[in-house]
Amino acid sequence: MATPESKVKKNVRAILDYFGAYYFSPATGGYGKSGVPDFVGCYRGKFFAVECKAAGGVTTALQNRELSRILKARGSAFVINEKNTDLLHDWLGTVTAECIV
């Protein structure tokens, strides 16, 4: 049986695939860095990270630290739940390609 958070992750994957974004789910635990968002990727030259939560779920202190570091580095960071997946969809829909010469 799928958990509410796994349903959010499935929806996020579908949105990222729809737009053709490059993304992956970083390893956590003993071999990864704690607090890293569920999805990390790039779309049209823009770095993004997505933390998925079930409705009512809150980010941990470690997750907040990592999301803050991403924002300070001028990346985009999202906390997505069942009710706000449109934020990610809308953001991807407005990203324009940048070319660095």
N, C-alpha and C. Protein backbone atom coordinates (compact mmCIF):
# COMPACT_ATOMS: atom_id res chain seq x y z
N MET A 1 0.84 -1.19 0.00
CA MET A 1 0.00 0.00 0.00
C MET A 1 0.88 1.25 0.00
N ALA A 2 0.56 2.17 -0.86
CA ALA A 2 1.35 3.38 -0.99
C ALA A 2 1.06 4.35 0.15
N THR A 3 2.11 4.96 0.65
CA THR A 3 1.96 5.96 1.70
C THR A 3 1.60 7.30 1.06
N PRO A 4 1.03 8.23 1.82
CA PRO A 4 0.73 9.55 1.26
C PRO A 4 1.98 10.23 0.66
N GLU A 5 3.13 10.09 1.34
CA GLU A 5 4.35 10.72 0.82
C GLU A 5 4.81 10.04 -0.47
N SER A 6 4.67 8.73 -0.57
CA SER A 6 5.08 8.05 -1.80
C SER A 6 4.19 8.45 -2.97
N LYS A 7 2.93 8.77 -2.69
CA LYS A 7 2.03 9.28 -3.74
C LYS A 7 2.50 10.64 -4.22
N VAL A 8 2.95 11.48 -3.31
CA VAL A 8 3.47 12.80 -3.68
C VAL A 8 4.71 12.62 -4.56
N LYS A 9 5.61 11.72 -4.15
CA LYS A 9 6.82 11.46 -4.94
C LYS A 9 6.47 10.98 -6.34
N LYS A 10 5.47 10.13 -6.45
CA LYS A 10 5.04 9.63 -7.76
C LYS A 10 4.53 10.77 -8.63
N ASN A 11 3.75 11.67 -8.04
CA ASN A 11 3.24 12.83 -8.77
C ASN A 11 4.37 13.77 -9.20
N VAL A 12 5.35 13.97 -8.31
CA VAL A 12 6.49 14.83 -8.64
C VAL A 12 7.27 14.21 -9.80
N ARG A 13 7.53 12.90 -9.75
CA ARG A 13 8.23 12.22 -10.85
C ARG A 13 7.49 12.42 -12.17
N ALA A 14 6.16 12.28 -12.13
CA ALA A 14 5.36 12.44 -13.34
C ALA A 14 5.50 13.86 -13.91
N ILE A 15 5.49 14.85 -13.05
CA ILE A 15 5.65 16.24 -13.50
C ILE A 15 7.04 16.45 -14.11
N LEU A 16 8.06 15.97 -13.42
CA LEU A 16 9.43 16.14 -13.92
C LEU A 16 9.62 15.42 -15.25
N ASP A 17 9.06 14.22 -15.37
CA ASP A 17 9.14 13.48 -16.63
C ASP A 17 8.39 14.19 -17.74
N TYR A 18 7.24 14.74 -17.43
CA TYR A 18 6.44 15.46 -18.42
C TYR A 18 7.25 16.59 -19.06
N PHE A 19 8.00 17.32 -18.23
CA PHE A 19 8.78 18.44 -18.74
C PHE A 19 10.14 18.01 -19.28
N GLY A 20 10.52 16.77 -19.05
CA GLY A 20 11.82 16.29 -19.53
C GLY A 20 12.98 16.81 -18.70
N ALA A 21 12.74 17.05 -17.43
CA ALA A 21 13.79 17.55 -16.54
C ALA A 21 14.78 16.43 -16.22
N TYR A 22 16.02 16.81 -16.02
CA TYR A 22 17.01 15.87 -15.50
C TYR A 22 16.87 15.89 -13.98
N TYR A 23 16.79 14.71 -13.36
CA TYR A 23 16.68 14.66 -11.90
C TYR A 23 17.12 13.30 -11.39
N PHE A 24 17.38 13.25 -10.10
CA PHE A 24 17.67 11.98 -9.43
C PHE A 24 17.29 12.12 -7.97
N SER A 25 17.22 10.96 -7.32
CA SER A 25 16.94 10.92 -5.88
C SER A 25 18.24 10.55 -5.17
N PRO A 26 18.83 11.49 -4.45
CA PRO A 26 20.11 11.23 -3.78
C PRO A 26 20.01 10.14 -2.72
N ALA A 27 21.10 9.40 -2.57
CA ALA A 27 21.18 8.39 -1.50
C ALA A 27 21.30 9.11 -0.16
N THR A 28 20.61 8.60 0.82
CA THR A 28 20.73 9.16 2.17
C THR A 28 21.16 8.05 3.11
N GLY A 29 21.32 8.38 4.35
CA GLY A 29 21.73 7.38 5.33
C GLY A 29 23.24 7.32 5.44
N GLY A 30 23.78 6.12 5.61
CA GLY A 30 25.21 5.94 5.85
C GLY A 30 26.11 6.40 4.73
N TYR A 31 25.61 6.38 3.50
CA TYR A 31 26.46 6.74 2.36
C TYR A 31 26.13 8.09 1.76
N GLY A 32 25.06 8.70 2.17
CA GLY A 32 24.67 9.98 1.63
C GLY A 32 24.70 11.06 2.68
N LYS A 33 24.26 12.24 2.29
CA LYS A 33 24.23 13.38 3.19
C LYS A 33 22.82 13.54 3.75
N SER A 34 22.69 13.59 5.03
CA SER A 34 21.38 13.73 5.66
C SER A 34 20.77 15.10 5.36
N GLY A 35 19.46 15.11 5.17
CA GLY A 35 18.74 16.35 4.94
C GLY A 35 18.62 16.76 3.49
N VAL A 36 19.28 16.03 2.59
CA VAL A 36 19.21 16.37 1.17
C VAL A 36 17.79 16.10 0.67
N PRO A 37 17.24 16.99 -0.17
CA PRO A 37 15.87 16.81 -0.65
C PRO A 37 15.68 15.50 -1.43
N ASP A 38 14.42 15.10 -1.59
CA ASP A 38 14.07 13.85 -2.25
C ASP A 38 14.46 13.83 -3.72
N PHE A 39 14.38 14.96 -4.39
CA PHE A 39 14.75 15.06 -5.80
C PHE A 39 15.68 16.25 -5.99
N VAL A 40 16.70 16.04 -6.78
CA VAL A 40 17.64 17.10 -7.14
C VAL A 40 17.77 17.05 -8.66
N GLY A 41 17.73 18.21 -9.31
CA GLY A 41 17.80 18.17 -10.76
C GLY A 41 18.10 19.51 -11.40
N CYS A 42 17.99 19.48 -12.73
CA CYS A 42 18.25 20.67 -13.53
C CYS A 42 17.25 20.68 -14.68
N TYR A 43 16.73 21.86 -14.96
CA TYR A 43 15.81 22.02 -16.09
C TYR A 43 16.12 23.34 -16.78
N ARG A 44 16.46 23.23 -18.05
CA ARG A 44 16.81 24.41 -18.85
C ARG A 44 17.84 25.30 -18.16
N GLY A 45 18.82 24.65 -17.57
CA GLY A 45 19.91 25.38 -16.94
C GLY A 45 19.64 25.86 -15.52
N LYS A 46 18.50 25.52 -14.97
CA LYS A 46 18.13 25.95 -13.62
C LYS A 46 18.19 24.76 -12.66
N PHE A 47 18.96 24.91 -11.59
CA PHE A 47 19.06 23.88 -10.57
C PHE A 47 17.84 23.94 -9.67
N PHE A 48 17.30 22.76 -9.32
CA PHE A 48 16.17 22.72 -8.41
C PHE A 48 16.28 21.52 -7.48
N ALA A 49 15.56 21.62 -6.38
CA ALA A 49 15.47 20.53 -5.42
C ALA A 49 14.04 20.48 -4.90
N VAL A 50 13.56 19.25 -4.67
CA VAL A 50 12.19 19.07 -4.21
C VAL A 50 12.18 18.14 -3.00
N GLU A 51 11.61 18.62 -1.91
CA GLU A 51 11.36 17.80 -0.73
C GLU A 51 9.88 17.47 -0.74
N CYS A 52 9.54 16.19 -0.64
CA CYS A 52 8.14 15.76 -0.66
C CYS A 52 7.66 15.46 0.75
N LYS A 53 6.46 15.90 1.04
CA LYS A 53 5.85 15.67 2.35
C LYS A 53 4.39 15.31 2.17
N ALA A 54 3.89 14.46 3.04
CA ALA A 54 2.45 14.23 3.11
C ALA A 54 1.82 15.49 3.69
N ALA A 55 0.55 15.70 3.39
CA ALA A 55 -0.14 16.89 3.92
C ALA A 55 0.03 16.92 5.43
N GLY A 56 0.40 18.07 5.94
CA GLY A 56 0.62 18.23 7.37
C GLY A 56 2.04 17.89 7.80
N GLY A 57 2.82 17.28 6.90
CA GLY A 57 4.20 16.94 7.22
C GLY A 57 5.06 18.20 7.25
N VAL A 58 6.05 18.20 8.09
CA VAL A 58 6.94 19.36 8.19
C VAL A 58 8.38 18.93 7.93
N THR A 59 9.16 19.83 7.44
CA THR A 59 10.56 19.55 7.18
C THR A 59 11.34 19.52 8.50
N THR A 60 12.40 18.72 8.50
CA THR A 60 13.25 18.62 9.68
C THR A 60 14.26 19.76 9.67
N ALA A 61 14.96 19.93 10.76
CA ALA A 61 16.00 20.96 10.84
C ALA A 61 17.08 20.71 9.79
N LEU A 62 17.48 19.46 9.59
CA LEU A 62 18.49 19.15 8.57
C LEU A 62 17.98 19.47 7.16
N GLN A 63 16.73 19.14 6.89
CA GLN A 63 16.15 19.47 5.58
C GLN A 63 16.08 20.97 5.38
N ASN A 64 15.69 21.70 6.41
CA ASN A 64 15.64 23.17 6.32
C ASN A 64 17.02 23.74 6.03
N ARG A 65 18.04 23.19 6.67
CA ARG A 65 19.41 23.65 6.44
C ARG A 65 19.80 23.46 4.97
N GLU A 66 19.51 22.28 4.42
CA GLU A 66 19.88 22.00 3.03
C GLU A 66 19.07 22.85 2.05
N LEU A 67 17.79 23.00 2.29
CA LEU A 67 16.96 23.84 1.43
C LEU A 67 17.45 25.29 1.46
N SER A 68 17.83 25.76 2.63
CA SER A 68 18.35 27.11 2.77
C SER A 68 19.67 27.29 2.01
N ARG A 69 20.53 26.30 2.09
CA ARG A 69 21.81 26.36 1.37
C ARG A 69 21.58 26.41 -0.14
N ILE A 70 20.59 25.67 -0.62
CA ILE A 70 20.27 25.68 -2.05
C ILE A 70 19.78 27.06 -2.46
N LEU A 71 18.89 27.64 -1.67
CA LEU A 71 18.38 28.97 -1.98
C LEU A 71 19.49 30.02 -1.95
N LYS A 72 20.40 29.92 -0.97
CA LYS A 72 21.52 30.87 -0.90
C LYS A 72 22.44 30.76 -2.10
N ALA A 73 22.50 29.56 -2.69
CA ALA A 73 23.33 29.35 -3.88
C ALA A 73 22.57 29.71 -5.17
N ARG A 74 21.38 30.30 -5.00
CA ARG A 74 20.54 30.76 -6.09
C ARG A 74 19.87 29.64 -6.88
N GLY A 75 19.73 28.47 -6.24
CA GLY A 75 18.93 27.39 -6.81
C GLY A 75 17.48 27.59 -6.39
N SER A 76 16.61 26.75 -6.91
CA SER A 76 15.20 26.79 -6.53
C SER A 76 14.90 25.57 -5.67
N ALA A 77 14.16 25.77 -4.60
CA ALA A 77 13.85 24.68 -3.68
C ALA A 77 12.36 24.69 -3.38
N PHE A 78 11.78 23.50 -3.36
CA PHE A 78 10.34 23.35 -3.16
C PHE A 78 10.07 22.32 -2.08
N VAL A 79 9.05 22.56 -1.28
CA VAL A 79 8.49 21.55 -0.39
C VAL A 79 7.10 21.29 -0.95
N ILE A 80 6.92 20.08 -1.48
CA ILE A 80 5.69 19.74 -2.21
C ILE A 80 4.89 18.70 -1.44
N ASN A 81 3.57 18.93 -1.38
CA ASN A 81 2.66 17.95 -0.79
C ASN A 81 1.51 17.71 -1.76
N GLU A 82 0.50 16.95 -1.32
CA GLU A 82 -0.62 16.60 -2.21
C GLU A 82 -1.36 17.82 -2.73
N LYS A 83 -1.32 18.91 -1.99
CA LYS A 83 -2.14 20.06 -2.32
C LYS A 83 -1.42 21.14 -3.12
N ASN A 84 -0.10 21.05 -3.28
CA ASN A 84 0.59 22.15 -3.97
C ASN A 84 1.51 21.69 -5.10
N THR A 85 1.23 20.54 -5.70
CA THR A 85 2.07 20.09 -6.82
C THR A 85 2.03 21.08 -7.99
N ASP A 86 0.98 21.88 -8.06
CA ASP A 86 0.89 22.88 -9.12
C ASP A 86 2.02 23.91 -9.04
N LEU A 87 2.59 24.14 -7.85
CA LEU A 87 3.71 25.08 -7.73
C LEU A 87 4.89 24.61 -8.57
N LEU A 88 5.22 23.32 -8.47
CA LEU A 88 6.32 22.78 -9.25
C LEU A 88 5.99 22.79 -10.74
N HIS A 89 4.79 22.36 -11.08
CA HIS A 89 4.36 22.35 -12.49
C HIS A 89 4.43 23.76 -13.08
N ASP A 90 3.90 24.73 -12.37
CA ASP A 90 3.90 26.11 -12.86
C ASP A 90 5.32 26.65 -13.00
N TRP A 91 6.19 26.36 -12.03
CA TRP A 91 7.57 26.84 -12.11
C TRP A 91 8.27 26.25 -13.33
N LEU A 92 8.15 24.95 -13.54
CA LEU A 92 8.78 24.32 -14.70
C LEU A 92 8.24 24.90 -16.00
N GLY A 93 6.97 25.25 -16.01
CA GLY A 93 6.35 25.82 -17.19
C GLY A 93 6.83 27.22 -17.52
N THR A 94 7.43 27.91 -16.57
CA THR A 94 7.90 29.27 -16.81
C THR A 94 9.41 29.39 -16.97
N VAL A 95 10.14 28.29 -16.77
CA VAL A 95 11.60 28.32 -16.87
C VAL A 95 11.98 28.48 -18.34
N THR A 96 12.83 29.45 -18.60
CA THR A 96 13.35 29.63 -19.95
C THR A 96 14.81 29.29 -19.99
N ALA A 97 15.26 28.82 -21.13
CA ALA A 97 16.65 28.40 -21.27
C ALA A 97 17.57 29.61 -21.25
N GLU A 98 18.72 29.42 -20.65
CA GLU A 98 19.76 30.44 -20.65
C GLU A 98 20.97 29.86 -21.35
N CYS A 99 21.65 30.68 -22.08
CA CYS A 99 22.85 30.24 -22.77
C CYS A 99 24.02 31.07 -22.27
N ILE A 100 25.04 30.42 -21.80
CA ILE A 100 26.22 31.13 -21.34
C ILE A 100 27.30 31.00 -22.40
N VAL A 101 27.78 32.13 -22.85
CA VAL A 101 28.78 32.14 -23.92
C VAL A 101 30.11 32.60 -23.36
